[in-house]
Amino acid sequence: MSYEQVEPRKRRPGLWLMIIGGLIAAGFAILALLSEAGSSPGPLWIVVGWGGLVFLYGLYRVVKGPSSLDHRKGGTDANGR
């Protein structure tokens, strides 16, 4: 059985990005809210924003599905093959 005969797995490429981005955003938001009054939580909010962007990109990839640039053997193929 060659590689081409194997059925492709049905997967959502952005699921792990959503999970990791959501955990990072929620975790650092809690840390920023619980930080002491004298300290500056500014850098923590930057990480919360970054985690939110990762979550949104993962959500986009889940909704859109596999791209024509996602090559089955890894890497990309600009011709969509």
PDB file of N, CA and C in Angstrom:
ATOM      1  N   MET A   1       0.847  -1.166   0.000  1.00  0.00           N
ATOM      2  CA  MET A   1       0.000   0.000   0.000  1.00  0.00           C
ATOM      3  C   MET A   1       0.899   1.237   0.000  1.00  0.00           C
ATOM      4  N   SER A   2       0.727   2.076  -0.984  1.00  0.00           N
ATOM      5  CA  SER A   2       1.564   3.267  -1.061  1.00  0.00           C
ATOM      6  C   SER A   2       0.960   4.393  -0.228  1.00  0.00           C
ATOM      7  N   TYR A   3       1.729   5.425  -0.077  1.00  0.00           N
ATOM      8  CA  TYR A   3       1.300   6.559   0.738  1.00  0.00           C
ATOM      9  C   TYR A   3       0.079   7.239   0.137  1.00  0.00           C
ATOM     10  N   GLU A   4      -0.031   7.247  -1.171  1.00  0.00           N
ATOM     11  CA  GLU A   4      -1.132   7.933  -1.843  1.00  0.00           C
ATOM     12  C   GLU A   4      -2.464   7.210  -1.637  1.00  0.00           C
ATOM     13  N   GLN A   5      -2.441   5.914  -1.311  1.00  0.00           N
ATOM     14  CA  GLN A   5      -3.662   5.160  -1.134  1.00  0.00           C
ATOM     15  C   GLN A   5      -4.259   5.305   0.257  1.00  0.00           C
ATOM     16  N   VAL A   6      -3.485   5.795   1.195  1.00  0.00           N
ATOM     17  CA  VAL A   6      -3.960   5.946   2.560  1.00  0.00           C
ATOM     18  C   VAL A   6      -4.906   7.138   2.629  1.00  0.00           C
ATOM     19  N   GLU A   7      -6.048   6.946   3.295  1.00  0.00           N
ATOM     20  CA  GLU A   7      -6.997   8.051   3.438  1.00  0.00           C
ATOM     21  C   GLU A   7      -6.399   9.128   4.325  1.00  0.00           C
ATOM     22  N   PRO A   8      -6.537  10.382   3.943  1.00  0.00           N
ATOM     23  CA  PRO A   8      -6.029  11.446   4.798  1.00  0.00           C
ATOM     24  C   PRO A   8      -6.865  11.553   6.075  1.00  0.00           C
ATOM     25  N   ARG A   9      -6.183  11.866   7.163  1.00  0.00           N
ATOM     26  CA  ARG A   9      -6.894  12.021   8.426  1.00  0.00           C
ATOM     27  C   ARG A   9      -7.721  13.289   8.387  1.00  0.00           C
ATOM     28  N   LYS A  10      -8.871  13.248   9.001  1.00  0.00           N
ATOM     29  CA  LYS A  10      -9.686  14.452   9.116  1.00  0.00           C
ATOM     30  C   LYS A  10      -9.219  15.175  10.373  1.00  0.00           C
ATOM     31  N   ARG A  11      -8.569  16.283  10.169  1.00  0.00           N
ATOM     32  CA  ARG A  11      -8.026  17.006  11.303  1.00  0.00           C
ATOM     33  C   ARG A  11      -8.270  18.485  11.116  1.00  0.00           C
ATOM     34  N   ARG A  12      -8.260  19.167  12.188  1.00  0.00           N
ATOM     35  CA  ARG A  12      -8.398  20.612  12.179  1.00  0.00           C
ATOM     36  C   ARG A  12      -7.057  21.199  12.568  1.00  0.00           C
ATOM     37  N   PRO A  13      -6.385  21.875  11.635  1.00  0.00           N
ATOM     38  CA  PRO A  13      -5.011  22.302  11.888  1.00  0.00           C
ATOM     39  C   PRO A  13      -4.850  23.353  12.984  1.00  0.00           C
ATOM     40  N   GLY A  14      -5.877  24.076  13.365  1.00  0.00           N
ATOM     41  CA  GLY A  14      -5.707  25.138  14.350  1.00  0.00           C
ATOM     42  C   GLY A  14      -6.161  24.796  15.749  1.00  0.00           C
ATOM     43  N   LEU A  15      -6.548  23.563  15.988  1.00  0.00           N
ATOM     44  CA  LEU A  15      -7.087  23.199  17.298  1.00  0.00           C
ATOM     45  C   LEU A  15      -6.068  23.408  18.412  1.00  0.00           C
ATOM     46  N   TRP A  16      -4.833  22.963  18.187  1.00  0.00           N
ATOM     47  CA  TRP A  16      -3.816  23.132  19.227  1.00  0.00           C
ATOM     48  C   TRP A  16      -3.427  24.596  19.415  1.00  0.00           C
ATOM     49  N   LEU A  17      -3.477  25.379  18.349  1.00  0.00           N
ATOM     50  CA  LEU A  17      -3.212  26.810  18.507  1.00  0.00           C
ATOM     51  C   LEU A  17      -4.279  27.461  19.375  1.00  0.00           C
ATOM     52  N   MET A  18      -5.529  27.053  19.203  1.00  0.00           N
ATOM     53  CA  MET A  18      -6.610  27.592  20.033  1.00  0.00           C
ATOM     54  C   MET A  18      -6.420  27.221  21.495  1.00  0.00           C
ATOM     55  N   ILE A  19      -6.079  25.967  21.744  1.00  0.00           N
ATOM     56  CA  ILE A  19      -5.924  25.510  23.128  1.00  0.00           C
ATOM     57  C   ILE A  19      -4.760  26.220  23.809  1.00  0.00           C
ATOM     58  N   ILE A  20      -3.601  26.228  23.159  1.00  0.00           N
ATOM     59  CA  ILE A  20      -2.411  26.842  23.757  1.00  0.00           C
ATOM     60  C   ILE A  20      -2.588  28.349  23.910  1.00  0.00           C
ATOM     61  N   GLY A  21      -3.109  29.019  22.866  1.00  0.00           N
ATOM     62  CA  GLY A  21      -3.326  30.460  22.939  1.00  0.00           C
ATOM     63  C   GLY A  21      -4.310  30.840  24.026  1.00  0.00           C
ATOM     64  N   GLY A  22      -5.381  30.059  24.163  1.00  0.00           N
ATOM     65  CA  GLY A  22      -6.362  30.336  25.216  1.00  0.00           C
ATOM     66  C   GLY A  22      -5.787  30.145  26.606  1.00  0.00           C
ATOM     67  N   LEU A  23      -4.992  29.090  26.783  1.00  0.00           N
ATOM     68  CA  LEU A  23      -4.366  28.861  28.088  1.00  0.00           C
ATOM     69  C   LEU A  23      -3.370  29.956  28.449  1.00  0.00           C
ATOM     70  N   ILE A  24      -2.581  30.373  27.467  1.00  0.00           N
ATOM     71  CA  ILE A  24      -1.608  31.443  27.718  1.00  0.00           C
ATOM     72  C   ILE A  24      -2.329  32.737  28.063  1.00  0.00           C
ATOM     73  N   ALA A  25      -3.353  33.087  27.282  1.00  0.00           N
ATOM     74  CA  ALA A  25      -4.080  34.331  27.524  1.00  0.00           C
ATOM     75  C   ALA A  25      -4.774  34.311  28.882  1.00  0.00           C
ATOM     76  N   ALA A  26      -5.449  33.217  29.208  1.00  0.00           N
ATOM     77  CA  ALA A  26      -6.161  33.140  30.485  1.00  0.00           C
ATOM     78  C   ALA A  26      -5.186  33.124  31.667  1.00  0.00           C
ATOM     79  N   GLY A  27      -4.120  32.353  31.542  1.00  0.00           N
ATOM     80  CA  GLY A  27      -3.160  32.263  32.642  1.00  0.00           C
ATOM     81  C   GLY A  27      -2.483  33.588  32.946  1.00  0.00           C
ATOM     82  N   PHE A  28      -2.034  34.286  31.916  1.00  0.00           N
ATOM     83  CA  PHE A  28      -1.353  35.550  32.160  1.00  0.00           C
ATOM     84  C   PHE A  28      -2.334  36.660  32.525  1.00  0.00           C
ATOM     85  N   ALA A  29      -3.596  36.559  32.101  1.00  0.00           N
ATOM     86  CA  ALA A  29      -4.603  37.535  32.539  1.00  0.00           C
ATOM     87  C   ALA A  29      -4.852  37.391  34.034  1.00  0.00           C
ATOM     88  N   ILE A  30      -4.905  36.163  34.501  1.00  0.00           N
ATOM     89  CA  ILE A  30      -5.076  35.950  35.943  1.00  0.00           C
ATOM     90  C   ILE A  30      -3.871  36.480  36.703  1.00  0.00           C
ATOM     91  N   LEU A  31      -2.670  36.218  36.194  1.00  0.00           N
ATOM     92  CA  LEU A  31      -1.472  36.758  36.853  1.00  0.00           C
ATOM     93  C   LEU A  31      -1.465  38.279  36.860  1.00  0.00           C
ATOM     94  N   ALA A  32      -1.897  38.904  35.773  1.00  0.00           N
ATOM     95  CA  ALA A  32      -1.914  40.366  35.706  1.00  0.00           C
ATOM     96  C   ALA A  32      -2.944  40.943  36.666  1.00  0.00           C
ATOM     97  N   LEU A  33      -4.079  40.281  36.797  1.00  0.00           N
ATOM     98  CA  LEU A  33      -5.111  40.779  37.714  1.00  0.00           C
ATOM     99  C   LEU A  33      -4.727  40.575  39.174  1.00  0.00           C
ATOM    100  N   LEU A  34      -3.954  39.533  39.460  1.00  0.00           N
ATOM    101  CA  LEU A  34      -3.555  39.246  40.832  1.00  0.00           C
ATOM    102  C   LEU A  34      -2.238  39.901  41.231  1.00  0.00           C
ATOM    103  N   SER A  35      -1.614  40.629  40.320  1.00  0.00           N
ATOM    104  CA  SER A  35      -0.331  41.257  40.647  1.00  0.00           C
ATOM    105  C   SER A  35      -0.541  42.346  41.704  1.00  0.00           C
ATOM    106  N   GLU A  36       0.520  42.611  42.439  1.00  0.00           N
ATOM    107  CA  GLU A  36       0.445  43.584  43.527  1.00  0.00           C
ATOM    108  C   GLU A  36       0.171  44.981  42.991  1.00  0.00           C
ATOM    109  N   ALA A  37      -0.392  45.828  43.845  1.00  0.00           N
ATOM    110  CA  ALA A  37      -0.766  47.179  43.435  1.00  0.00           C
ATOM    111  C   ALA A  37       0.456  48.019  43.067  1.00  0.00           C
ATOM    112  N   GLY A  38       1.588  47.776  43.678  1.00  0.00           N
ATOM    113  CA  GLY A  38       2.787  48.558  43.413  1.00  0.00           C
ATOM    114  C   GLY A  38       3.528  48.155  42.152  1.00  0.00           C
ATOM    115  N   SER A  39       3.281  46.984  41.644  1.00  0.00           N
ATOM    116  CA  SER A  39       4.001  46.515  40.466  1.00  0.00           C
ATOM    117  C   SER A  39       3.235  46.871  39.193  1.00  0.00           C
ATOM    118  N   SER A  40       3.938  46.862  38.099  1.00  0.00           N
ATOM    119  CA  SER A  40       3.326  47.196  36.808  1.00  0.00           C
ATOM    120  C   SER A  40       3.001  45.906  36.056  1.00  0.00           C
ATOM    121  N   PRO A  41       1.704  45.647  35.799  1.00  0.00           N
ATOM    122  CA  PRO A  41       1.346  44.426  35.065  1.00  0.00           C
ATOM    123  C   PRO A  41       1.384  44.607  33.547  1.00  0.00           C
ATOM    124  N   GLY A  42       1.964  45.703  33.062  1.00  0.00           N
ATOM    125  CA  GLY A  42       1.988  45.989  31.627  1.00  0.00           C
ATOM    126  C   GLY A  42       2.561  44.881  30.760  1.00  0.00           C
ATOM    127  N   PRO A  43       3.748  44.341  31.098  1.00  0.00           N
ATOM    128  CA  PRO A  43       4.291  43.258  30.269  1.00  0.00           C
ATOM    129  C   PRO A  43       3.412  42.013  30.260  1.00  0.00           C
ATOM    130  N   LEU A  44       2.685  41.762  31.334  1.00  0.00           N
ATOM    131  CA  LEU A  44       1.796  40.605  31.360  1.00  0.00           C
ATOM    132  C   LEU A  44       0.643  40.787  30.376  1.00  0.00           C
ATOM    133  N   TRP A  45       0.147  42.008  30.232  1.00  0.00           N
ATOM    134  CA  TRP A  45      -0.957  42.248  29.295  1.00  0.00           C
ATOM    135  C   TRP A  45      -0.491  42.098  27.845  1.00  0.00           C
ATOM    136  N   ILE A  46       0.784  42.360  27.601  1.00  0.00           N
ATOM    137  CA  ILE A  46       1.316  42.131  26.257  1.00  0.00           C
ATOM    138  C   ILE A  46       1.262  40.643  25.928  1.00  0.00           C
ATOM    139  N   VAL A  47       1.613  39.796  26.895  1.00  0.00           N
ATOM    140  CA  VAL A  47       1.568  38.358  26.686  1.00  0.00           C
ATOM    141  C   VAL A  47       0.120  37.891  26.540  1.00  0.00           C
ATOM    142  N   VAL A  48      -0.802  38.502  27.289  1.00  0.00           N
ATOM    143  CA  VAL A  48      -2.224  38.171  27.150  1.00  0.00           C
ATOM    144  C   VAL A  48      -2.697  38.493  25.732  1.00  0.00           C
ATOM    145  N   GLY A  49      -2.288  39.631  25.197  1.00  0.00           N
ATOM    146  CA  GLY A  49      -2.654  39.998  23.831  1.00  0.00           C
ATOM    147  C   GLY A  49      -2.064  39.040  22.813  1.00  0.00           C
ATOM    148  N   TRP A  50      -0.819  38.628  23.025  1.00  0.00           N
ATOM    149  CA  TRP A  50      -0.181  37.671  22.121  1.00  0.00           C
ATOM    150  C   TRP A  50      -0.918  36.338  22.155  1.00  0.00           C
ATOM    151  N   GLY A  51      -1.266  35.873  23.347  1.00  0.00           N
ATOM    152  CA  GLY A  51      -2.018  34.623  23.473  1.00  0.00           C
ATOM    153  C   GLY A  51      -3.380  34.719  22.808  1.00  0.00           C
ATOM    154  N   GLY A  52      -4.010  35.897  22.907  1.00  0.00           N
ATOM    155  CA  GLY A  52      -5.284  36.106  22.233  1.00  0.00           C
ATOM    156  C   GLY A  52      -5.146  36.052  20.724  1.00  0.00           C
ATOM    157  N   LEU A  53      -4.069  36.613  20.192  1.00  0.00           N
ATOM    158  CA  LEU A  53      -3.837  36.552  18.752  1.00  0.00           C
ATOM    159  C   LEU A  53      -3.589  35.115  18.281  1.00  0.00           C
ATOM    160  N   VAL A  54      -2.851  34.341  19.069  1.00  0.00           N
ATOM    161  CA  VAL A  54      -2.623  32.936  18.735  1.00  0.00           C
ATOM    162  C   VAL A  54      -3.951  32.179  18.743  1.00  0.00           C
ATOM    163  N   PHE A  55      -4.798  32.477  19.743  1.00  0.00           N
ATOM    164  CA  PHE A  55      -6.113  31.846  19.812  1.00  0.00           C
ATOM    165  C   PHE A  55      -6.959  32.195  18.595  1.00  0.00           C
ATOM    166  N   LEU A  56      -6.960  33.463  18.203  1.00  0.00           N
ATOM    167  CA  LEU A  56      -7.759  33.880  17.048  1.00  0.00           C
ATOM    168  C   LEU A  56      -7.251  33.257  15.749  1.00  0.00           C
ATOM    169  N   TYR A  57      -5.935  33.148  15.589  1.00  0.00           N
ATOM    170  CA  TYR A  57      -5.403  32.500  14.392  1.00  0.00           C
ATOM    171  C   TYR A  57      -5.773  31.017  14.377  1.00  0.00           C
ATOM    172  N   GLY A  58      -5.727  30.366  15.533  1.00  0.00           N
ATOM    173  CA  GLY A  58      -6.149  28.974  15.616  1.00  0.00           C
ATOM    174  C   GLY A  58      -7.622  28.811  15.285  1.00  0.00           C
ATOM    175  N   LEU A  59      -8.447  29.743  15.753  1.00  0.00           N
ATOM    176  CA  LEU A  59      -9.872  29.714  15.433  1.00  0.00           C
ATOM    177  C   LEU A  59     -10.097  29.871  13.933  1.00  0.00           C
ATOM    178  N   TYR A  60      -9.345  30.756  13.305  1.00  0.00           N
ATOM    179  CA  TYR A  60      -9.428  30.933  11.859  1.00  0.00           C
ATOM    180  C   TYR A  60      -9.059  29.640  11.130  1.00  0.00           C
ATOM    181  N   ARG A  61      -7.985  28.994  11.580  1.00  0.00           N
ATOM    182  CA  ARG A  61      -7.555  27.757  10.925  1.00  0.00           C
ATOM    183  C   ARG A  61      -8.571  26.631  11.131  1.00  0.00           C
ATOM    184  N   VAL A  62      -9.219  26.584  12.292  1.00  0.00           N
ATOM    185  CA  VAL A  62     -10.231  25.556  12.535  1.00  0.00           C
ATOM    186  C   VAL A  62     -11.431  25.780  11.631  1.00  0.00           C
ATOM    187  N   VAL A  63     -11.865  27.031  11.513  1.00  0.00           N
ATOM    188  CA  VAL A  63     -13.040  27.336  10.693  1.00  0.00           C
ATOM    189  C   VAL A  63     -12.734  27.135   9.213  1.00  0.00           C
ATOM    190  N   LYS A  64     -11.580  27.596   8.762  1.00  0.00           N
ATOM    191  CA  LYS A  64     -11.230  27.512   7.350  1.00  0.00           C
ATOM    192  C   LYS A  64     -10.889  26.095   6.923  1.00  0.00           C
ATOM    193  N   GLY A  65     -10.300  25.316   7.811  1.00  0.00           N
ATOM    194  CA  GLY A  65      -9.918  23.947   7.467  1.00  0.00           C
ATOM    195  C   GLY A  65      -8.535  23.906   6.838  1.00  0.00           C
ATOM    196  N   PRO A  66      -8.163  22.740   6.323  1.00  0.00           N
ATOM    197  CA  PRO A  66      -6.836  22.601   5.713  1.00  0.00           C
ATOM    198  C   PRO A  66      -6.672  23.517   4.501  1.00  0.00           C
ATOM    199  N   SER A  67      -5.515  24.100   4.383  1.00  0.00           N
ATOM    200  CA  SER A  67      -5.216  25.009   3.282  1.00  0.00           C
ATOM    201  C   SER A  67      -4.662  24.231   2.102  1.00  0.00           C
ATOM    202  N   SER A  68      -4.739  24.823   0.928  1.00  0.00           N
ATOM    203  CA  SER A  68      -4.145  24.182  -0.239  1.00  0.00           C
ATOM    204  C   SER A  68      -2.621  24.209  -0.160  1.00  0.00           C
ATOM    205  N   LEU A  69      -2.068  25.013   0.722  1.00  0.00           N
ATOM    206  CA  LEU A  69      -0.611  25.074   0.888  1.00  0.00           C
ATOM    207  C   LEU A  69      -0.092  24.060   1.900  1.00  0.00           C
ATOM    208  N   ASP A  70      -0.986  23.381   2.625  1.00  0.00           N
ATOM    209  CA  ASP A  70      -0.559  22.362   3.578  1.00  0.00           C
ATOM    210  C   ASP A  70      -0.269  21.075   2.828  1.00  0.00           C
ATOM    211  N   HIS A  71       0.997  20.732   2.735  1.00  0.00           N
ATOM    212  CA  HIS A  71       1.403  19.531   2.007  1.00  0.00           C
ATOM    213  C   HIS A  71       1.265  18.328   2.931  1.00  0.00           C
ATOM    214  N   ARG A  72       0.792  17.220   2.422  1.00  0.00           N
ATOM    215  CA  ARG A  72       0.540  16.038   3.251  1.00  0.00           C
ATOM    216  C   ARG A  72       1.800  15.459   3.861  1.00  0.00           C
ATOM    217  N   LYS A  73       2.933  15.587   3.205  1.00  0.00           N
ATOM    218  CA  LYS A  73       4.171  15.010   3.725  1.00  0.00           C
ATOM    219  C   LYS A  73       4.957  15.994   4.567  1.00  0.00           C
ATOM    220  N   GLY A  74       4.388  17.137   4.847  1.00  0.00           N
ATOM    221  CA  GLY A  74       5.077  18.148   5.643  1.00  0.00           C
ATOM    222  C   GLY A  74       5.605  19.251   4.745  1.00  0.00           C
ATOM    223  N   GLY A  75       5.741  20.409   5.297  1.00  0.00           N
ATOM    224  CA  GLY A  75       6.189  21.552   4.495  1.00  0.00           C
ATOM    225  C   GLY A  75       5.063  22.104   3.662  1.00  0.00           C
ATOM    226  N   THR A  76       5.399  22.914   2.700  1.00  0.00           N
ATOM    227  CA  THR A  76       4.368  23.504   1.846  1.00  0.00           C
ATOM    228  C   THR A  76       4.702  23.246   0.397  1.00  0.00           C
ATOM    229  N   ASP A  77       3.678  23.337  -0.415  1.00  0.00           N
ATOM    230  CA  ASP A  77       3.823  23.201  -1.851  1.00  0.00           C
ATOM    231  C   ASP A  77       3.068  24.365  -2.471  1.00  0.00           C
ATOM    232  N   ALA A  78       3.746  25.303  -3.042  1.00  0.00           N
ATOM    233  CA  ALA A  78       3.115  26.513  -3.554  1.00  0.00           C
ATOM    234  C   ALA A  78       2.167  26.231  -4.712  1.00  0.00           C
ATOM    235  N   ASN A  79       2.302  25.090  -5.366  1.00  0.00           N
ATOM    236  CA  ASN A  79       1.418  24.750  -6.471  1.00  0.00           C
ATOM    237  C   ASN A  79       0.123  24.110  -6.006  1.00  0.00           C
ATOM    238  N   GLY A  80      -0.033  23.850  -4.719  1.00  0.00           N
ATOM    239  CA  GLY A  80      -1.245  23.264  -4.193  1.00  0.00           C
ATOM    240  C   GLY A  80      -1.400  21.780  -4.458  1.00  0.00           C
ATOM    241  N   ARG A  81      -0.313  21.092  -4.747  1.00  0.00           N
ATOM    242  CA  ARG A  81      -0.372  19.651  -5.014  1.00  0.00           C
ATOM    243  C   ARG A  81      -0.142  18.850  -3.770  1.00  0.00           C
TER     244      ARG A  81
END
